[in-house]
Amino acid sequence: MSIHDLVADDQPENFSFSAENEDKIVKIIAKYPEGRQASAVMPLLDLAQRQHDNWIPMKAIELIAERLGMAKIRVLEVASFYTMYNLKPVGKYFLQLCGTTPCMLRGSDDVTRCIKDKLGISSGEMTSDGKFSLLEVECLGACVNAPIIQVNDDFYEDLDYDSTETLIDALSKDAPPPIGSVKMRSGSQAETGPTSLEKMAAKSQKKKSEKTAGTAAEQGRS
């Protein structure tokens, strides 16, 4: 894929960090020894993205390069290498779908099919209303609870076609469901339940159930 495919055609004329982020930048850069400020490039890219509707314009790349004493191409290399950075606009709900081996073996193709059926988009595309966009990414590190979708910063695990449909419907109403396993698994616990520390697991499950019930009641009132 060419870098031109990753970078938005329409770019803002300027970019500057907010006062709040400027304070954060001072603290971030101070963590690194003199002459090693380039190590702060990743957190500064993250700040720029969060400030600018979840994508990084080229003017932000240039500003970060200047701030850290780096060549612009070096900053762009980092921003274009990691899928955590977006160089063009994404939807309000940015769906990052893992399609690597564990997720594929556990049914990520069904999740992909559901997204296509419900939203009509494939990897790299956005819905016409700008609410959803999809990107197939490499391992998200939650293989034991595969398949998984990362929605913005949050993980939804143990998905199948039906639970993906439920998730999309909830997001469409701007009512994100509780994050984590949709099967209410605790961490990487086996689907059949705990085989040790059973009392502790039961207590944890009770708290999760109460939290889920509270969230449902709150959504019902709204």
N, C-alpha and C. Protein backbone atom coordinates (compact mmCIF):
# COMPACT_ATOMS: atom_id res chain seq x y z
N MET A 1 0.84 -1.20 0.00
CA MET A 1 0.00 0.00 0.00
C MET A 1 0.88 1.25 0.00
N SER A 2 0.60 2.20 -0.86
CA SER A 2 1.34 3.45 -0.94
C SER A 2 1.00 4.35 0.23
N ILE A 3 1.95 5.20 0.63
CA ILE A 3 1.70 6.16 1.70
C ILE A 3 0.57 7.10 1.31
N HIS A 4 0.40 7.31 0.01
CA HIS A 4 -0.68 8.20 -0.46
C HIS A 4 -2.06 7.60 -0.18
N ASP A 5 -2.12 6.28 -0.06
CA ASP A 5 -3.38 5.63 0.27
C ASP A 5 -3.73 5.77 1.75
N LEU A 6 -2.72 6.00 2.57
CA LEU A 6 -2.92 6.10 4.02
C LEU A 6 -3.25 7.51 4.48
N VAL A 7 -2.79 8.51 3.72
CA VAL A 7 -2.91 9.91 4.14
C VAL A 7 -4.13 10.56 3.48
N ALA A 8 -4.87 11.33 4.26
CA ALA A 8 -6.06 12.01 3.75
C ALA A 8 -5.70 13.03 2.69
N ASP A 9 -6.54 13.13 1.67
CA ASP A 9 -6.32 14.14 0.63
C ASP A 9 -6.64 15.54 1.16
N ASP A 10 -7.73 15.67 1.89
CA ASP A 10 -8.13 16.96 2.43
C ASP A 10 -7.45 17.17 3.78
N GLN A 11 -6.62 18.17 3.85
CA GLN A 11 -5.84 18.44 5.04
C GLN A 11 -6.14 19.84 5.58
N PRO A 12 -6.14 20.00 6.92
CA PRO A 12 -6.31 21.34 7.49
C PRO A 12 -5.08 22.20 7.20
N GLU A 13 -5.28 23.52 7.17
CA GLU A 13 -4.18 24.42 6.86
C GLU A 13 -3.20 24.57 8.01
N ASN A 14 -3.67 24.28 9.25
CA ASN A 14 -2.77 24.41 10.39
C ASN A 14 -3.20 23.47 11.50
N PHE A 15 -2.32 23.31 12.45
CA PHE A 15 -2.61 22.49 13.64
C PHE A 15 -1.76 23.01 14.79
N SER A 16 -2.36 23.09 15.95
CA SER A 16 -1.61 23.44 17.16
C SER A 16 -2.20 22.66 18.32
N PHE A 17 -1.36 22.31 19.25
CA PHE A 17 -1.83 21.59 20.42
C PHE A 17 -2.60 22.53 21.36
N SER A 18 -3.58 21.97 22.03
CA SER A 18 -4.32 22.73 23.02
C SER A 18 -3.41 23.05 24.21
N ALA A 19 -3.82 23.99 25.04
CA ALA A 19 -3.02 24.35 26.21
C ALA A 19 -2.87 23.15 27.14
N GLU A 20 -3.93 22.38 27.28
CA GLU A 20 -3.88 21.19 28.14
C GLU A 20 -2.85 20.19 27.61
N ASN A 21 -2.87 19.98 26.30
CA ASN A 21 -1.91 19.03 25.72
C ASN A 21 -0.48 19.57 25.73
N GLU A 22 -0.34 20.88 25.63
CA GLU A 22 1.01 21.46 25.73
C GLU A 22 1.61 21.15 27.10
N ASP A 23 0.79 21.22 28.14
CA ASP A 23 1.28 20.88 29.48
C ASP A 23 1.69 19.41 29.55
N LYS A 24 0.89 18.55 28.91
CA LYS A 24 1.22 17.12 28.89
C LYS A 24 2.52 16.86 28.13
N ILE A 25 2.73 17.60 27.05
CA ILE A 25 3.92 17.40 26.22
C ILE A 25 5.18 17.72 27.02
N VAL A 26 5.13 18.80 27.79
CA VAL A 26 6.29 19.17 28.62
C VAL A 26 6.64 18.03 29.56
N LYS A 27 5.63 17.42 30.18
CA LYS A 27 5.87 16.33 31.12
C LYS A 27 6.36 15.07 30.41
N ILE A 28 5.82 14.82 29.22
CA ILE A 28 6.24 13.63 28.46
C ILE A 28 7.70 13.73 28.05
N ILE A 29 8.08 14.88 27.46
CA ILE A 29 9.45 15.06 26.99
C ILE A 29 10.44 15.01 28.15
N ALA A 30 10.01 15.49 29.32
CA ALA A 30 10.90 15.52 30.49
C ALA A 30 11.25 14.12 30.98
N LYS A 31 10.53 13.10 30.52
CA LYS A 31 10.83 11.73 30.94
C LYS A 31 12.08 11.17 30.27
N TYR A 32 12.54 11.84 29.20
CA TYR A 32 13.64 11.29 28.41
C TYR A 32 14.91 12.13 28.59
N PRO A 33 16.09 11.49 28.53
CA PRO A 33 17.35 12.23 28.69
C PRO A 33 17.55 13.24 27.57
N GLU A 34 18.36 14.22 27.86
CA GLU A 34 18.69 15.23 26.86
C GLU A 34 19.23 14.55 25.60
N GLY A 35 18.72 14.95 24.45
CA GLY A 35 19.14 14.36 23.20
C GLY A 35 18.36 13.13 22.78
N ARG A 36 17.45 12.70 23.66
CA ARG A 36 16.63 11.51 23.37
C ARG A 36 15.15 11.86 23.25
N GLN A 37 14.86 13.12 22.96
CA GLN A 37 13.47 13.56 22.91
C GLN A 37 12.65 12.86 21.84
N ALA A 38 13.33 12.32 20.81
CA ALA A 38 12.61 11.63 19.74
C ALA A 38 11.83 10.42 20.27
N SER A 39 12.23 9.93 21.45
CA SER A 39 11.52 8.80 22.05
C SER A 39 10.08 9.16 22.41
N ALA A 40 9.78 10.44 22.47
CA ALA A 40 8.43 10.89 22.82
C ALA A 40 7.50 10.94 21.62
N VAL A 41 7.96 10.49 20.46
CA VAL A 41 7.16 10.66 19.24
C VAL A 41 5.82 9.93 19.33
N MET A 42 5.80 8.72 19.90
CA MET A 42 4.55 7.96 19.93
C MET A 42 3.49 8.59 20.84
N PRO A 43 3.83 8.98 22.08
CA PRO A 43 2.81 9.64 22.88
C PRO A 43 2.34 10.97 22.30
N LEU A 44 3.23 11.70 21.61
CA LEU A 44 2.80 12.96 21.01
C LEU A 44 1.86 12.72 19.83
N LEU A 45 2.13 11.67 19.06
CA LEU A 45 1.19 11.32 17.98
C LEU A 45 -0.18 10.95 18.55
N ASP A 46 -0.17 10.24 19.67
CA ASP A 46 -1.43 9.86 20.31
C ASP A 46 -2.19 11.10 20.77
N LEU A 47 -1.51 12.05 21.37
CA LEU A 47 -2.15 13.29 21.80
C LEU A 47 -2.77 14.03 20.62
N ALA A 48 -2.01 14.12 19.53
CA ALA A 48 -2.52 14.81 18.34
C ALA A 48 -3.77 14.13 17.80
N GLN A 49 -3.75 12.81 17.77
CA GLN A 49 -4.89 12.07 17.25
C GLN A 49 -6.14 12.26 18.11
N ARG A 50 -5.96 12.19 19.42
CA ARG A 50 -7.11 12.35 20.33
C ARG A 50 -7.67 13.77 20.26
N GLN A 51 -6.82 14.73 20.00
CA GLN A 51 -7.29 16.11 19.90
C GLN A 51 -8.01 16.38 18.59
N HIS A 52 -7.63 15.64 17.54
CA HIS A 52 -8.12 15.96 16.20
C HIS A 52 -9.06 14.88 15.66
N ASP A 53 -10.14 14.63 16.40
CA ASP A 53 -11.20 13.72 15.93
C ASP A 53 -10.69 12.35 15.51
N ASN A 54 -9.69 11.85 16.25
CA ASN A 54 -9.18 10.49 16.08
C ASN A 54 -8.40 10.28 14.78
N TRP A 55 -7.84 11.34 14.22
CA TRP A 55 -6.89 11.16 13.11
C TRP A 55 -5.85 12.27 13.14
N ILE A 56 -4.69 11.99 12.51
CA ILE A 56 -3.53 12.89 12.60
C ILE A 56 -3.32 13.58 11.26
N PRO A 57 -3.47 14.90 11.20
CA PRO A 57 -3.20 15.61 9.94
C PRO A 57 -1.70 15.81 9.73
N MET A 58 -1.31 16.10 8.52
CA MET A 58 0.10 16.27 8.20
C MET A 58 0.70 17.47 8.94
N LYS A 59 -0.11 18.49 9.22
CA LYS A 59 0.41 19.63 9.97
C LYS A 59 0.81 19.23 11.38
N ALA A 60 0.12 18.24 11.94
CA ALA A 60 0.51 17.72 13.26
C ALA A 60 1.82 16.95 13.16
N ILE A 61 1.99 16.19 12.08
CA ILE A 61 3.25 15.48 11.85
C ILE A 61 4.41 16.47 11.80
N GLU A 62 4.20 17.56 11.08
CA GLU A 62 5.25 18.58 10.94
C GLU A 62 5.54 19.24 12.28
N LEU A 63 4.50 19.53 13.06
CA LEU A 63 4.69 20.18 14.35
C LEU A 63 5.44 19.28 15.32
N ILE A 64 5.09 18.00 15.34
CA ILE A 64 5.77 17.05 16.23
C ILE A 64 7.23 16.90 15.82
N ALA A 65 7.49 16.84 14.52
CA ALA A 65 8.87 16.73 14.04
C ALA A 65 9.70 17.93 14.50
N GLU A 66 9.12 19.11 14.38
CA GLU A 66 9.82 20.33 14.80
C GLU A 66 10.05 20.32 16.31
N ARG A 67 9.03 19.92 17.06
CA ARG A 67 9.13 19.93 18.52
C ARG A 67 10.20 18.96 19.03
N LEU A 68 10.35 17.83 18.35
CA LEU A 68 11.27 16.80 18.81
C LEU A 68 12.61 16.80 18.07
N GLY A 69 12.78 17.73 17.15
CA GLY A 69 14.03 17.80 16.40
C GLY A 69 14.23 16.62 15.48
N MET A 70 13.15 16.15 14.87
CA MET A 70 13.20 14.99 13.98
C MET A 70 12.89 15.41 12.55
N ALA A 71 13.36 14.62 11.61
CA ALA A 71 12.94 14.82 10.22
C ALA A 71 11.47 14.45 10.10
N LYS A 72 10.74 15.17 9.28
CA LYS A 72 9.29 14.91 9.14
C LYS A 72 9.03 13.47 8.69
N ILE A 73 9.89 12.98 7.81
CA ILE A 73 9.67 11.63 7.29
C ILE A 73 9.80 10.59 8.40
N ARG A 74 10.63 10.86 9.41
CA ARG A 74 10.79 9.92 10.52
C ARG A 74 9.51 9.83 11.34
N VAL A 75 8.88 10.94 11.57
CA VAL A 75 7.61 10.96 12.30
C VAL A 75 6.53 10.27 11.47
N LEU A 76 6.52 10.55 10.18
CA LEU A 76 5.53 9.92 9.31
C LEU A 76 5.75 8.41 9.23
N GLU A 77 6.99 7.97 9.27
CA GLU A 77 7.28 6.54 9.26
C GLU A 77 6.64 5.85 10.45
N VAL A 78 6.75 6.46 11.62
CA VAL A 78 6.15 5.88 12.82
C VAL A 78 4.62 5.88 12.71
N ALA A 79 4.07 7.01 12.30
CA ALA A 79 2.62 7.15 12.22
C ALA A 79 2.00 6.21 11.20
N SER A 80 2.74 5.89 10.14
CA SER A 80 2.19 5.02 9.09
C SER A 80 2.46 3.55 9.35
N PHE A 81 3.36 3.25 10.29
CA PHE A 81 3.69 1.85 10.58
C PHE A 81 2.66 1.21 11.49
N TYR A 82 2.21 1.93 12.50
CA TYR A 82 1.31 1.37 13.50
C TYR A 82 -0.15 1.65 13.16
N THR A 83 -0.97 0.60 13.20
CA THR A 83 -2.40 0.80 12.88
C THR A 83 -3.13 1.56 13.97
N MET A 84 -2.50 1.79 15.11
CA MET A 84 -3.12 2.58 16.18
C MET A 84 -3.21 4.07 15.80
N TYR A 85 -2.46 4.47 14.77
CA TYR A 85 -2.51 5.86 14.31
C TYR A 85 -3.30 5.93 13.00
N ASN A 86 -4.15 6.93 12.90
CA ASN A 86 -4.97 7.13 11.70
C ASN A 86 -4.53 8.41 11.00
N LEU A 87 -4.22 8.30 9.73
CA LEU A 87 -3.77 9.46 8.96
C LEU A 87 -4.86 10.00 8.05
N LYS A 88 -6.06 9.47 8.22
CA LYS A 88 -7.23 10.01 7.53
C LYS A 88 -8.43 9.84 8.45
N PRO A 89 -9.52 10.57 8.22
CA PRO A 89 -10.67 10.50 9.13
C PRO A 89 -11.23 9.09 9.26
N VAL A 90 -11.69 8.76 10.46
CA VAL A 90 -12.35 7.48 10.72
C VAL A 90 -13.72 7.79 11.33
N GLY A 91 -14.56 6.75 11.43
CA GLY A 91 -15.89 6.94 11.95
C GLY A 91 -15.90 7.24 13.43
N LYS A 92 -17.05 7.67 13.91
CA LYS A 92 -17.22 7.91 15.35
C LYS A 92 -16.89 6.64 16.12
N TYR A 93 -17.32 5.50 15.57
CA TYR A 93 -16.98 4.20 16.14
C TYR A 93 -16.04 3.49 15.17
N PHE A 94 -14.77 3.47 15.54
CA PHE A 94 -13.72 2.91 14.70
C PHE A 94 -13.55 1.44 15.08
N LEU A 95 -14.01 0.55 14.21
CA LEU A 95 -13.97 -0.89 14.46
C LEU A 95 -12.66 -1.45 13.94
N GLN A 96 -11.86 -2.00 14.83
CA GLN A 96 -10.62 -2.64 14.44
C GLN A 96 -10.78 -4.14 14.69
N LEU A 97 -10.84 -4.88 13.62
CA LEU A 97 -11.16 -6.30 13.67
C LEU A 97 -9.90 -7.13 13.47
N CYS A 98 -9.64 -8.00 14.44
CA CYS A 98 -8.49 -8.90 14.32
C CYS A 98 -8.88 -10.09 13.44
N GLY A 99 -8.05 -10.38 12.44
CA GLY A 99 -8.32 -11.50 11.56
C GLY A 99 -7.18 -12.50 11.50
N THR A 100 -6.26 -12.41 12.49
CA THR A 100 -5.14 -13.33 12.50
C THR A 100 -5.57 -14.70 13.04
N THR A 101 -4.65 -15.65 13.07
CA THR A 101 -4.99 -17.07 13.21
C THR A 101 -5.93 -17.41 14.36
N PRO A 102 -5.66 -17.04 15.62
CA PRO A 102 -6.58 -17.43 16.69
C PRO A 102 -8.01 -16.89 16.48
N CYS A 103 -8.12 -15.65 16.07
CA CYS A 103 -9.45 -15.07 15.84
C CYS A 103 -10.14 -15.74 14.64
N MET A 104 -9.36 -16.03 13.60
CA MET A 104 -9.93 -16.67 12.43
C MET A 104 -10.46 -18.06 12.78
N LEU A 105 -9.68 -18.81 13.56
CA LEU A 105 -10.10 -20.15 13.96
C LEU A 105 -11.34 -20.12 14.85
N ARG A 106 -11.53 -19.01 15.56
CA ARG A 106 -12.66 -18.89 16.48
C ARG A 106 -13.86 -18.17 15.85
N GLY A 107 -13.76 -17.82 14.56
CA GLY A 107 -14.95 -17.30 13.88
C GLY A 107 -14.94 -15.85 13.49
N SER A 108 -13.76 -15.24 13.30
CA SER A 108 -13.73 -13.83 12.91
C SER A 108 -14.36 -13.59 11.54
N ASP A 109 -14.40 -14.63 10.68
CA ASP A 109 -15.04 -14.47 9.38
C ASP A 109 -16.54 -14.18 9.54
N ASP A 110 -17.16 -14.76 10.57
CA ASP A 110 -18.58 -14.49 10.83
C ASP A 110 -18.77 -13.05 11.31
N VAL A 111 -17.81 -12.56 12.08
CA VAL A 111 -17.87 -11.16 12.55
C VAL A 111 -17.74 -10.22 11.36
N THR A 112 -16.80 -10.52 10.47
CA THR A 112 -16.61 -9.72 9.27
C THR A 112 -17.89 -9.71 8.42
N ARG A 113 -18.49 -10.87 8.27
CA ARG A 113 -19.71 -10.99 7.47
C ARG A 113 -20.85 -10.18 8.08
N CYS A 114 -20.95 -10.19 9.41
CA CYS A 114 -21.99 -9.41 10.07
C CYS A 114 -21.82 -7.92 9.83
N ILE A 115 -20.57 -7.45 9.94
CA ILE A 115 -20.30 -6.03 9.71
C ILE A 115 -20.66 -5.64 8.28
N LYS A 116 -20.32 -6.52 7.34
CA LYS A 116 -20.66 -6.26 5.94
C LYS A 116 -22.17 -6.24 5.74
N ASP A 117 -22.88 -7.19 6.37
CA ASP A 117 -24.33 -7.26 6.24
C ASP A 117 -25.03 -6.06 6.87
N LYS A 118 -24.55 -5.66 8.04
CA LYS A 118 -25.20 -4.58 8.79
C LYS A 118 -24.83 -3.20 8.29
N LEU A 119 -23.56 -3.00 7.97
CA LEU A 119 -23.07 -1.65 7.68
C LEU A 119 -22.67 -1.46 6.22
N GLY A 120 -22.48 -2.57 5.50
CA GLY A 120 -22.13 -2.47 4.09
C GLY A 120 -20.72 -1.98 3.84
N ILE A 121 -19.81 -2.19 4.81
CA ILE A 121 -18.44 -1.73 4.63
C ILE A 121 -17.46 -2.89 4.79
N SER A 122 -16.31 -2.73 4.16
CA SER A 122 -15.19 -3.66 4.28
C SER A 122 -14.02 -2.91 4.89
N SER A 123 -12.92 -3.62 5.11
CA SER A 123 -11.75 -3.00 5.73
C SER A 123 -11.29 -1.78 4.95
N GLY A 124 -11.05 -0.70 5.67
CA GLY A 124 -10.61 0.54 5.06
C GLY A 124 -11.72 1.46 4.63
N GLU A 125 -12.98 1.07 4.90
CA GLU A 125 -14.13 1.88 4.46
C GLU A 125 -14.88 2.46 5.65
N MET A 126 -15.69 3.49 5.34
CA MET A 126 -16.50 4.17 6.34
C MET A 126 -17.94 4.27 5.84
N THR A 127 -18.89 4.19 6.76
CA THR A 127 -20.29 4.35 6.38
C THR A 127 -20.53 5.79 5.90
N SER A 128 -21.56 5.96 5.08
CA SER A 128 -21.81 7.27 4.48
C SER A 128 -22.13 8.34 5.51
N ASP A 129 -22.67 7.93 6.67
CA ASP A 129 -22.99 8.90 7.71
C ASP A 129 -21.81 9.21 8.63
N GLY A 130 -20.69 8.53 8.39
CA GLY A 130 -19.49 8.78 9.18
C GLY A 130 -19.52 8.19 10.58
N LYS A 131 -20.48 7.33 10.84
CA LYS A 131 -20.60 6.80 12.21
C LYS A 131 -19.69 5.60 12.45
N PHE A 132 -19.48 4.78 11.42
CA PHE A 132 -18.66 3.58 11.58
C PHE A 132 -17.57 3.53 10.51
N SER A 133 -16.41 3.06 10.90
CA SER A 133 -15.39 2.68 9.93
C SER A 133 -14.75 1.39 10.40
N LEU A 134 -14.17 0.67 9.47
CA LEU A 134 -13.64 -0.66 9.75
C LEU A 134 -12.22 -0.79 9.22
N LEU A 135 -11.38 -1.43 10.03
CA LEU A 135 -10.02 -1.76 9.60
C LEU A 135 -9.66 -3.13 10.15
N GLU A 136 -9.21 -4.02 9.27
CA GLU A 136 -8.71 -5.31 9.74
C GLU A 136 -7.26 -5.12 10.17
N VAL A 137 -6.96 -5.52 11.40
CA VAL A 137 -5.64 -5.28 11.96
C VAL A 137 -4.98 -6.60 12.35
N GLU A 138 -3.72 -6.50 12.72
CA GLU A 138 -2.99 -7.66 13.22
C GLU A 138 -3.37 -7.91 14.67
N CYS A 139 -2.77 -8.91 15.27
CA CYS A 139 -3.16 -9.38 16.60
C CYS A 139 -3.35 -8.25 17.61
N LEU A 140 -4.49 -8.28 18.30
CA LEU A 140 -4.79 -7.30 19.33
C LEU A 140 -4.45 -7.79 20.73
N GLY A 141 -3.90 -8.99 20.82
CA GLY A 141 -3.40 -9.48 22.10
C GLY A 141 -4.46 -10.02 23.04
N ALA A 142 -5.61 -10.40 22.52
CA ALA A 142 -6.65 -10.99 23.35
C ALA A 142 -7.07 -12.33 22.77
N CYS A 143 -6.09 -13.10 22.33
CA CYS A 143 -6.34 -14.33 21.58
C CYS A 143 -7.20 -15.32 22.36
N VAL A 144 -7.05 -15.36 23.68
CA VAL A 144 -7.77 -16.34 24.47
C VAL A 144 -9.28 -16.08 24.46
N ASN A 145 -9.68 -14.85 24.20
CA ASN A 145 -11.10 -14.49 24.13
C ASN A 145 -11.51 -14.15 22.70
N ALA A 146 -10.87 -14.76 21.74
CA ALA A 146 -11.16 -14.51 20.33
C ALA A 146 -12.55 -15.05 19.96
N PRO A 147 -13.14 -14.45 18.90
CA PRO A 147 -12.67 -13.29 18.13
C PRO A 147 -13.00 -11.97 18.84
N ILE A 148 -12.29 -10.93 18.44
CA ILE A 148 -12.35 -9.66 19.15
C ILE A 148 -12.45 -8.49 18.18
N ILE A 149 -13.17 -7.46 18.60
CA ILE A 149 -13.19 -6.16 17.92
C ILE A 149 -12.76 -5.10 18.92
N GLN A 150 -11.86 -4.24 18.51
CA GLN A 150 -11.55 -3.05 19.30
C GLN A 150 -12.38 -1.90 18.76
N VAL A 151 -13.21 -1.30 19.60
CA VAL A 151 -14.02 -0.14 19.22
C VAL A 151 -13.40 1.08 19.90
N ASN A 152 -12.77 1.93 19.10
CA ASN A 152 -11.99 3.04 19.65
C ASN A 152 -10.96 2.49 20.63
N ASP A 153 -11.10 2.73 21.92
CA ASP A 153 -10.12 2.23 22.88
C ASP A 153 -10.57 0.94 23.59
N ASP A 154 -11.78 0.48 23.30
CA ASP A 154 -12.37 -0.60 24.09
C ASP A 154 -12.41 -1.94 23.35
N PHE A 155 -12.25 -3.02 24.10
CA PHE A 155 -12.28 -4.38 23.56
C PHE A 155 -13.64 -5.03 23.80
N TYR A 156 -14.16 -5.69 22.74
CA TYR A 156 -15.34 -6.54 22.84
C TYR A 156 -14.92 -7.93 22.37
N GLU A 157 -15.05 -8.91 23.26
CA GLU A 157 -14.46 -10.22 23.05
C GLU A 157 -15.51 -11.33 22.97
N ASP A 158 -15.08 -12.50 22.52
CA ASP A 158 -15.95 -13.69 22.40
C ASP A 158 -17.13 -13.44 21.46
N LEU A 159 -16.89 -12.72 20.39
CA LEU A 159 -17.97 -12.35 19.49
C LEU A 159 -18.32 -13.46 18.51
N ASP A 160 -19.56 -13.44 18.04
CA ASP A 160 -19.99 -14.25 16.92
C ASP A 160 -20.91 -13.37 16.07
N TYR A 161 -21.58 -13.94 15.11
CA TYR A 161 -22.41 -13.13 14.22
C TYR A 161 -23.48 -12.38 15.01
N ASP A 162 -24.21 -13.10 15.86
CA ASP A 162 -25.34 -12.50 16.58
C ASP A 162 -24.90 -11.44 17.57
N SER A 163 -23.83 -11.71 18.32
CA SER A 163 -23.38 -10.73 19.32
C SER A 163 -22.76 -9.51 18.64
N THR A 164 -22.17 -9.68 17.47
CA THR A 164 -21.67 -8.54 16.71
C THR A 164 -22.82 -7.67 16.24
N GLU A 165 -23.89 -8.31 15.81
CA GLU A 165 -25.09 -7.57 15.41
C GLU A 165 -25.65 -6.77 16.58
N THR A 166 -25.69 -7.37 17.75
CA THR A 166 -26.17 -6.68 18.95
C THR A 166 -25.28 -5.49 19.29
N LEU A 167 -23.95 -5.68 19.17
CA LEU A 167 -23.01 -4.60 19.44
C LEU A 167 -23.21 -3.44 18.48
N ILE A 168 -23.34 -3.74 17.21
CA ILE A 168 -23.53 -2.67 16.20
C ILE A 168 -24.83 -1.92 16.46
N ASP A 169 -25.89 -2.64 16.79
CA ASP A 169 -27.17 -2.00 17.08
C ASP A 169 -27.06 -1.05 18.26
N ALA A 170 -26.33 -1.47 19.29
CA ALA A 170 -26.16 -0.63 20.48
C ALA A 170 -25.33 0.62 20.15
N LEU A 171 -24.28 0.44 19.39
CA LEU A 171 -23.45 1.59 19.01
C LEU A 171 -24.22 2.55 18.10
N SER A 172 -25.08 2.01 17.27
CA SER A 172 -25.89 2.86 16.39
C SER A 172 -26.78 3.80 17.19
N LYS A 173 -27.15 3.35 18.39
CA LYS A 173 -27.99 4.16 19.28
C LYS A 173 -27.15 4.96 20.27
N ASP A 174 -25.84 4.97 20.07
CA ASP A 174 -24.91 5.64 20.98
C ASP A 174 -25.06 5.14 22.41
N ALA A 175 -25.25 3.84 22.53
CA ALA A 175 -25.39 3.20 23.85
C ALA A 175 -24.44 2.02 23.93
N PRO A 176 -23.11 2.28 24.00
CA PRO A 176 -22.15 1.17 24.03
C PRO A 176 -22.41 0.22 25.19
N PRO A 177 -22.42 -1.08 24.93
CA PRO A 177 -22.61 -2.06 26.00
C PRO A 177 -21.36 -2.19 26.85
N PRO A 178 -21.43 -2.90 27.97
CA PRO A 178 -20.24 -3.10 28.80
C PRO A 178 -19.12 -3.75 28.00
N ILE A 179 -17.90 -3.30 28.24
CA ILE A 179 -16.76 -3.82 27.49
C ILE A 179 -16.32 -5.17 28.05
N GLY A 180 -15.49 -5.85 27.27
CA GLY A 180 -14.97 -7.14 27.68
C GLY A 180 -15.67 -8.28 26.97
N SER A 181 -15.67 -9.44 27.60
CA SER A 181 -16.29 -10.62 27.01
C SER A 181 -17.81 -10.49 26.96
N VAL A 182 -18.39 -10.70 25.77
CA VAL A 182 -19.85 -10.64 25.66
C VAL A 182 -20.49 -11.86 26.31
N LYS A 183 -19.66 -12.87 26.61
CA LYS A 183 -20.15 -14.06 27.30
C LYS A 183 -19.93 -13.96 28.81
N MET A 184 -19.50 -12.75 29.24
CA MET A 184 -19.28 -12.47 30.66
C MET A 184 -18.18 -13.32 31.26
N ARG A 185 -17.24 -13.76 30.44
CA ARG A 185 -16.09 -14.48 30.99
C ARG A 185 -15.21 -13.52 31.78
N SER A 186 -14.63 -14.00 32.84
CA SER A 186 -13.73 -13.18 33.65
C SER A 186 -12.30 -13.41 33.19
N GLY A 187 -11.70 -12.39 32.59
CA GLY A 187 -10.34 -12.53 32.08
C GLY A 187 -10.26 -13.61 31.03
N SER A 188 -9.36 -14.55 31.21
CA SER A 188 -9.20 -15.64 30.26
C SER A 188 -9.75 -16.95 30.80
N GLN A 189 -10.73 -16.82 31.67
CA GLN A 189 -11.35 -18.01 32.26
C GLN A 189 -11.98 -18.90 31.18
N ALA A 190 -11.94 -20.21 31.39
CA ALA A 190 -12.54 -21.15 30.44
C ALA A 190 -14.04 -20.90 30.33
N GLU A 191 -14.60 -21.14 29.14
CA GLU A 191 -16.04 -20.93 28.95
C GLU A 191 -16.88 -21.81 29.86
N THR A 192 -16.33 -22.95 30.27
CA THR A 192 -17.07 -23.87 31.13
C THR A 192 -17.06 -23.43 32.59
N GLY A 193 -16.34 -22.32 32.89
CA GLY A 193 -16.31 -21.83 34.26
C GLY A 193 -14.98 -22.12 34.93
N PRO A 194 -14.81 -21.61 36.14
CA PRO A 194 -13.54 -21.77 36.84
C PRO A 194 -13.29 -23.20 37.30
N THR A 195 -12.03 -23.55 37.35
CA THR A 195 -11.66 -24.87 37.88
C THR A 195 -10.87 -24.72 39.18
N SER A 196 -10.60 -23.48 39.56
CA SER A 196 -9.96 -23.19 40.84
C SER A 196 -10.42 -21.82 41.30
N LEU A 197 -10.21 -21.50 42.57
CA LEU A 197 -10.64 -20.21 43.12
C LEU A 197 -12.10 -19.94 42.79
N GLU A 198 -12.94 -20.94 42.95
CA GLU A 198 -14.33 -20.85 42.51
C GLU A 198 -15.13 -19.79 43.27
N LYS A 199 -14.87 -19.64 44.57
CA LYS A 199 -15.61 -18.64 45.34
C LYS A 199 -15.26 -17.23 44.88
N MET A 200 -14.00 -17.00 44.62
CA MET A 200 -13.57 -15.69 44.12
C MET A 200 -14.18 -15.40 42.75
N ALA A 201 -14.20 -16.41 41.90
CA ALA A 201 -14.78 -16.25 40.57
C ALA A 201 -16.27 -15.96 40.65
N ALA A 202 -16.97 -16.63 41.57
CA ALA A 202 -18.41 -16.41 41.73
C ALA A 202 -18.69 -14.98 42.20
N LYS A 203 -17.85 -14.49 43.10
CA LYS A 203 -18.00 -13.11 43.59
C LYS A 203 -17.79 -12.11 42.47
N SER A 204 -16.75 -12.35 41.64
CA SER A 204 -16.47 -11.47 40.51
C SER A 204 -17.61 -11.49 39.50
N GLN A 205 -18.16 -12.68 39.24
CA GLN A 205 -19.27 -12.82 38.30
C GLN A 205 -20.49 -12.07 38.79
N LYS A 206 -20.75 -12.13 40.09
CA LYS A 206 -21.90 -11.43 40.67
C LYS A 206 -21.78 -9.92 40.48
N LYS A 207 -20.58 -9.39 40.71
CA LYS A 207 -20.36 -7.96 40.53
C LYS A 207 -20.57 -7.55 39.07
N LYS A 208 -20.09 -8.39 38.14
CA LYS A 208 -20.26 -8.07 36.72
C LYS A 208 -21.73 -8.08 36.33
N SER A 209 -22.47 -9.06 36.84
CA SER A 209 -23.89 -9.16 36.53
C SER A 209 -24.64 -7.95 37.06
N GLU A 210 -24.29 -7.52 38.27
CA GLU A 210 -24.94 -6.33 38.85
C GLU A 210 -24.62 -5.08 38.04
N LYS A 211 -23.37 -4.98 37.58
CA LYS A 211 -22.99 -3.83 36.77
C LYS A 211 -23.74 -3.82 35.44
N THR A 212 -23.88 -5.00 34.83
CA THR A 212 -24.60 -5.10 33.56
C THR A 212 -26.06 -4.74 33.73
N ALA A 213 -26.67 -5.21 34.83
CA ALA A 213 -28.07 -4.91 35.09
C ALA A 213 -28.26 -3.42 35.33
N GLY A 214 -27.31 -2.79 36.02
CA GLY A 214 -27.39 -1.35 36.27
C GLY A 214 -27.28 -0.54 34.99
N THR A 215 -26.39 -0.97 34.10
CA THR A 215 -26.22 -0.29 32.81
C THR A 215 -27.48 -0.41 31.97
N ALA A 216 -28.09 -1.60 31.95
CA ALA A 216 -29.33 -1.81 31.19
C ALA A 216 -30.44 -0.96 31.72
N ALA A 217 -30.54 -0.84 33.05
CA ALA A 217 -31.60 -0.03 33.65
C ALA A 217 -31.41 1.44 33.32
N GLU A 218 -30.15 1.89 33.33
CA GLU A 218 -29.84 3.30 33.02
C GLU A 218 -30.19 3.62 31.57
N GLN A 219 -29.88 2.68 30.66
CA GLN A 219 -30.21 2.88 29.26
C GLN A 219 -31.72 2.89 29.04
N GLY A 220 -32.43 2.07 29.84
CA GLY A 220 -33.90 2.04 29.72
C GLY A 220 -34.52 3.35 30.13
N ARG A 221 -33.95 4.01 31.16
CA ARG A 221 -34.49 5.28 31.61
C ARG A 221 -34.21 6.40 30.63
N SER A 222 -33.06 6.25 29.90
CA SER A 222 -32.71 7.29 28.93
C SER A 222 -33.47 7.11 27.62
